Amino acid sequence: MPSELPPSPAAADASAGSRPEQVPAKFWDAATGQVRVDALLRAYRDLERRASAMVRVPGPQAAEDEVAAFRRAAGVPDSHDLYRIATRHPSLASDPGLNQRLHQAGFTQDQAQMLYDLAHERLLPLVEHLTQCHDQDSQIEHLKRHFGGDAQWQESARQIKAWGKANLPQAAYEALASTADGVKTMHRLMQSEEPSLGAAAPLGEDGRSEEQLKKMINDPRYWKAKDPAFIAKVSEGFRKLYGE
């Protein structure tokens, strides 16, 4: 059995001084019977330069166009002016400044609409609550001044509350107690409960008596529908009747 494998045909040709078939002539040194490594390296480097020249880096405009195409495919409009926002409250109408920021952040039409919907669902009730609290504080301050100070108001409020719950329908009492004018109306009614010694009930300038005004307060238009025009008639009737 032979101790070595037979040489390959290419090696046999090289050892004989002839160029192997797989080696191009420009890379073969016939004098030495060897591959020209320096020529092979130069050719490889030239090939690298040509390949690099073929791969061009896109310019700024091409990059912007590519980004715009990607955003468009994702559903982002080309401009913030193209958002179509449906709003259900004037305080949350479509805002160009906000829409511009949403567009810069890459919000789609559906995402921008969802933001406005969430504001209507979560933010609007909070704003209305704060506004109501501020209005209530303002009315309480008005009542304190009307009754002559904080101590006088506290005592009057206790009496008016007790009288109103005892003499008025629950719905009528709650409606009157919710506004400063309503509280003052209950106070006038409470004071008018004193005996009149048989005197005729006074009439206001518009001809309405206190009894007629009481009936108007029990009218659903006053305490249920809260008709502004009807409420104004009652308030004006008491003002003319008692000069307040």
Protein backbone atom coordinates (compact mmCIF):
# COMPACT_ATOMS: atom_id res chain seq x y z
CA MET A 1 0.00 0.00 0.00
CA PRO A 2 1.47 3.45 -0.96
CA SER A 3 2.24 5.82 1.96
CA GLU A 4 1.12 9.05 0.16
CA LEU A 5 -1.83 10.11 -1.99
CA PRO A 6 -1.02 10.88 -5.61
CA PRO A 7 -0.64 14.63 -6.41
CA SER A 8 -3.54 16.51 -8.00
CA PRO A 9 -3.40 17.25 -11.72
CA ALA A 10 -2.87 21.03 -11.00
CA ALA A 11 -0.01 20.31 -8.64
CA ALA A 12 1.49 17.90 -11.11
CA ASP A 13 1.29 20.54 -13.84
CA ALA A 14 2.86 23.18 -11.54
CA SER A 15 5.68 20.87 -10.59
CA ALA A 16 6.30 20.28 -14.26
CA GLY A 17 6.47 24.08 -14.89
CA SER A 18 3.26 24.34 -16.92
CA ARG A 19 0.38 26.75 -15.98
CA PRO A 20 -2.65 25.09 -14.37
CA GLU A 21 -5.87 25.56 -16.32
CA GLN A 22 -7.66 27.37 -13.44
CA VAL A 23 -4.96 30.06 -13.16
CA PRO A 24 -5.26 32.94 -15.69
CA ALA A 25 -2.11 33.64 -17.69
CA LYS A 26 -1.68 37.16 -16.24
CA PHE A 27 -1.31 35.65 -12.79
CA TRP A 28 1.24 32.99 -13.84
CA ASP A 29 5.00 33.39 -13.83
CA ALA A 30 6.26 30.95 -16.46
CA ALA A 31 9.89 31.60 -15.53
CA THR A 32 9.46 30.41 -11.96
CA GLY A 33 6.51 28.14 -12.54
CA GLN A 34 4.51 29.91 -9.71
CA VAL A 35 1.43 32.11 -9.25
CA ARG A 36 2.13 35.88 -9.35
CA VAL A 37 0.73 36.81 -5.93
CA ASP A 38 1.42 40.55 -6.34
CA ALA A 39 -0.60 40.70 -9.54
CA LEU A 40 -3.39 38.76 -7.93
CA LEU A 41 -3.54 41.22 -4.98
CA ARG A 42 -3.59 44.27 -7.27
CA ALA A 43 -6.46 42.81 -9.23
CA TYR A 44 -8.39 42.11 -6.05
CA ARG A 45 -7.94 45.69 -4.77
CA ASP A 46 -9.05 47.12 -8.10
CA LEU A 47 -12.16 44.96 -7.94
CA GLU A 48 -12.94 46.30 -4.45
CA ARG A 49 -12.66 49.93 -5.65
CA ARG A 50 -15.02 49.26 -8.54
CA ALA A 51 -17.56 47.57 -6.28
CA SER A 52 -17.44 50.50 -3.82
CA ALA A 53 -18.00 53.01 -6.61
CA MET A 54 -21.13 51.15 -7.69
CA VAL A 55 -22.73 51.46 -4.18
CA ARG A 56 -23.79 55.12 -3.95
CA VAL A 57 -24.88 56.80 -0.71
CA PRO A 58 -28.31 58.45 -1.22
CA GLY A 59 -28.40 62.26 -0.94
CA PRO A 60 -30.50 64.25 1.57
CA GLN A 61 -33.49 64.61 -0.76
CA ALA A 62 -33.53 60.89 -1.53
CA ALA A 63 -33.45 60.13 2.19
CA GLU A 64 -36.34 62.54 2.86
CA ASP A 65 -38.38 61.00 0.07
CA GLU A 66 -37.77 57.55 1.50
CA VAL A 67 -38.92 58.66 4.96
CA ALA A 68 -42.01 60.35 3.51
CA ALA A 69 -42.90 57.21 1.57
CA PHE A 70 -42.55 55.12 4.71
CA ARG A 71 -44.76 57.49 6.78
CA ARG A 72 -47.35 57.57 4.01
CA ALA A 73 -47.45 53.79 3.90
CA ALA A 74 -47.96 53.74 7.69
CA GLY A 75 -50.98 56.06 7.39
CA VAL A 76 -49.41 59.41 8.34
CA PRO A 77 -50.78 62.24 6.13
CA ASP A 78 -48.35 64.37 4.12
CA SER A 79 -49.27 67.48 6.17
CA HIS A 80 -50.88 68.25 9.51
CA ASP A 81 -53.53 70.22 7.59
CA LEU A 82 -54.81 66.91 6.20
CA TYR A 83 -55.93 65.55 9.58
CA ARG A 84 -59.73 65.25 9.64
CA ILE A 85 -60.62 65.58 13.32
CA ALA A 86 -64.22 65.02 14.44
CA THR A 87 -64.93 66.92 17.68
CA ARG A 88 -67.99 66.90 19.93
CA HIS A 89 -67.32 70.01 22.02
CA PRO A 90 -66.26 73.56 21.01
CA SER A 91 -63.56 73.60 23.68
CA LEU A 92 -61.88 70.62 21.99
CA ALA A 93 -62.04 71.77 18.38
CA SER A 94 -59.26 70.74 15.99
CA ASP A 95 -56.14 72.80 16.84
CA PRO A 96 -53.58 73.46 14.05
CA GLY A 97 -50.69 73.89 16.48
CA LEU A 98 -51.43 70.61 18.25
CA ASN A 99 -51.98 68.83 14.92
CA GLN A 100 -48.57 70.02 13.72
CA ARG A 101 -46.90 68.48 16.75
CA LEU A 102 -48.82 65.25 16.25
CA HIS A 103 -47.70 65.16 12.63
CA GLN A 104 -44.07 65.71 13.59
CA ALA A 105 -44.36 62.80 16.03
CA GLY A 106 -45.66 60.55 13.24
CA PHE A 107 -49.30 60.21 14.37
CA THR A 108 -51.63 58.56 11.88
CA GLN A 109 -55.15 59.85 11.24
CA ASP A 110 -56.64 57.26 13.61
CA GLN A 111 -54.09 57.98 16.34
CA ALA A 112 -54.70 61.75 16.16
CA GLN A 113 -58.46 61.21 16.33
CA MET A 114 -58.03 58.90 19.33
CA LEU A 115 -56.09 61.62 21.17
CA TYR A 116 -58.97 64.10 20.73
CA ASP A 117 -61.49 61.41 21.77
CA LEU A 118 -59.53 60.70 24.95
CA ALA A 119 -59.40 64.41 25.75
CA HIS A 120 -63.19 64.59 25.36
CA GLU A 121 -63.65 61.50 27.53
CA ARG A 122 -61.13 62.24 30.29
CA LEU A 123 -60.08 65.89 30.20
CA LEU A 124 -63.37 67.66 29.49
CA PRO A 125 -65.20 66.32 32.60
CA LEU A 126 -62.26 67.46 34.76
CA VAL A 127 -62.33 70.96 33.26
CA GLU A 128 -66.10 71.20 33.73
CA HIS A 129 -65.77 70.03 37.34
CA LEU A 130 -63.12 72.64 38.09
CA THR A 131 -65.25 75.32 36.44
CA GLN A 132 -68.26 74.28 38.50
CA CYS A 133 -66.22 74.34 41.71
CA HIS A 134 -64.94 77.82 40.86
CA ASP A 135 -68.49 79.00 40.14
CA GLN A 136 -69.73 77.55 43.44
CA ASP A 137 -66.94 79.30 45.33
CA SER A 138 -67.85 82.58 43.67
CA GLN A 139 -71.53 82.17 44.59
CA ILE A 140 -70.68 81.34 48.20
CA GLU A 141 -68.55 84.47 48.43
CA HIS A 142 -71.50 86.44 47.02
CA LEU A 143 -73.81 84.97 49.70
CA LYS A 144 -71.33 85.80 52.47
CA ARG A 145 -71.34 89.44 51.36
CA HIS A 146 -75.14 89.43 50.99
CA PHE A 147 -75.72 88.13 54.54
CA GLY A 148 -73.08 90.36 56.13
CA GLY A 149 -70.09 88.11 56.62
CA ASP A 150 -68.99 84.53 57.14
CA ALA A 151 -70.54 84.02 60.59
CA GLN A 152 -73.91 85.47 59.54
CA TRP A 153 -73.90 83.38 56.38
CA GLN A 154 -73.16 80.15 58.28
CA GLU A 155 -76.12 80.70 60.59
CA SER A 156 -78.44 81.78 57.75
CA ALA A 157 -77.39 78.77 55.67
CA ARG A 158 -78.27 76.41 58.53
CA GLN A 159 -81.72 77.97 58.93
CA ILE A 160 -82.44 78.11 55.20
CA LYS A 161 -81.45 74.46 54.76
CA ALA A 162 -83.71 73.32 57.58
CA TRP A 163 -86.63 75.41 56.36
CA GLY A 164 -86.22 74.39 52.71
CA LYS A 165 -86.15 70.66 53.42
CA ALA A 166 -89.19 70.96 55.66
CA ASN A 167 -91.33 73.14 53.36
CA LEU A 168 -90.33 72.46 49.75
CA PRO A 169 -90.38 69.41 47.48
CA GLN A 170 -86.96 67.72 47.41
CA ALA A 171 -86.37 68.52 43.74
CA ALA A 172 -87.38 72.17 44.20
CA TYR A 173 -85.12 72.52 47.24
CA GLU A 174 -82.12 71.03 45.42
CA ALA A 175 -82.67 73.31 42.43
CA LEU A 176 -82.89 76.43 44.61
CA ALA A 177 -79.94 75.43 46.79
CA SER A 178 -77.66 75.09 43.75
CA THR A 179 -77.50 78.85 43.01
CA ALA A 180 -77.02 82.01 45.02
CA ASP A 181 -80.26 83.49 43.65
CA GLY A 182 -82.11 80.33 44.67
CA VAL A 183 -80.74 80.51 48.23
CA LYS A 184 -81.81 84.15 48.52
CA THR A 185 -85.25 83.18 47.21
CA MET A 186 -85.61 80.51 49.92
CA HIS A 187 -84.50 83.04 52.51
CA ARG A 188 -87.25 85.45 51.41
CA LEU A 189 -89.82 82.65 51.49
CA MET A 190 -88.66 81.61 54.95
CA GLN A 191 -89.02 85.17 56.26
CA SER A 192 -92.46 85.58 54.70
CA GLU A 193 -93.81 82.68 56.80
CA GLU A 194 -94.36 85.13 59.68
CA PRO A 195 -98.04 86.03 60.40
CA SER A 196 -99.29 88.94 58.30
CA LEU A 197 -101.97 89.93 60.89
CA GLY A 198 -104.64 89.57 58.22
CA ALA A 199 -103.06 92.09 55.87
CA ALA A 200 -103.45 91.46 52.19
CA ALA A 201 -100.46 89.89 50.49
CA PRO A 202 -98.40 92.62 48.79
CA LEU A 203 -98.09 92.71 45.03
CA GLY A 204 -94.97 93.47 43.05
CA GLU A 205 -94.77 96.01 40.24
CA ASP A 206 -95.71 93.31 37.74
CA GLY A 207 -98.80 92.36 39.79
CA ARG A 208 -97.48 89.03 41.12
CA SER A 209 -98.10 88.24 44.76
CA GLU A 210 -95.78 86.21 46.97
CA GLU A 211 -98.20 83.26 46.76
CA GLN A 212 -98.08 83.37 42.98
CA LEU A 213 -94.28 83.43 43.06
CA LYS A 214 -94.26 80.39 45.38
CA LYS A 215 -96.44 78.52 42.88
CA MET A 216 -94.02 79.47 40.11
CA ILE A 217 -91.14 77.98 42.13
CA ASN A 218 -93.02 74.68 42.35
CA ASP A 219 -93.56 74.74 38.61
CA PRO A 220 -91.38 72.07 36.85
CA ARG A 221 -90.17 74.76 34.47
CA TYR A 222 -88.37 76.31 37.45
CA TRP A 223 -86.84 73.37 39.32
CA LYS A 224 -86.75 70.60 36.66
CA ALA A 225 -86.34 72.14 33.23
CA LYS A 226 -84.54 75.16 34.72
CA ASP A 227 -85.97 77.40 32.00
CA PRO A 228 -83.76 80.55 32.12
CA ALA A 229 -86.58 82.87 31.09
CA PHE A 230 -88.98 81.40 33.66
CA ILE A 231 -86.36 81.56 36.45
CA ALA A 232 -85.63 85.17 35.54
CA LYS A 233 -89.35 86.02 35.95
CA VAL A 234 -89.39 84.51 39.44
CA SER A 235 -86.21 86.33 40.51
CA GLU A 236 -87.44 89.60 39.09
CA GLY A 237 -90.81 89.12 40.81
CA PHE A 238 -89.15 88.76 44.22
CA ARG A 239 -86.86 91.70 43.51
CA LYS A 240 -89.82 93.95 42.74
CA LEU A 241 -91.81 92.55 45.65
CA TYR A 242 -89.11 93.04 48.31
CA GLY A 243 -86.79 95.54 46.68
CA GLU A 244 -83.73 93.23 46.55
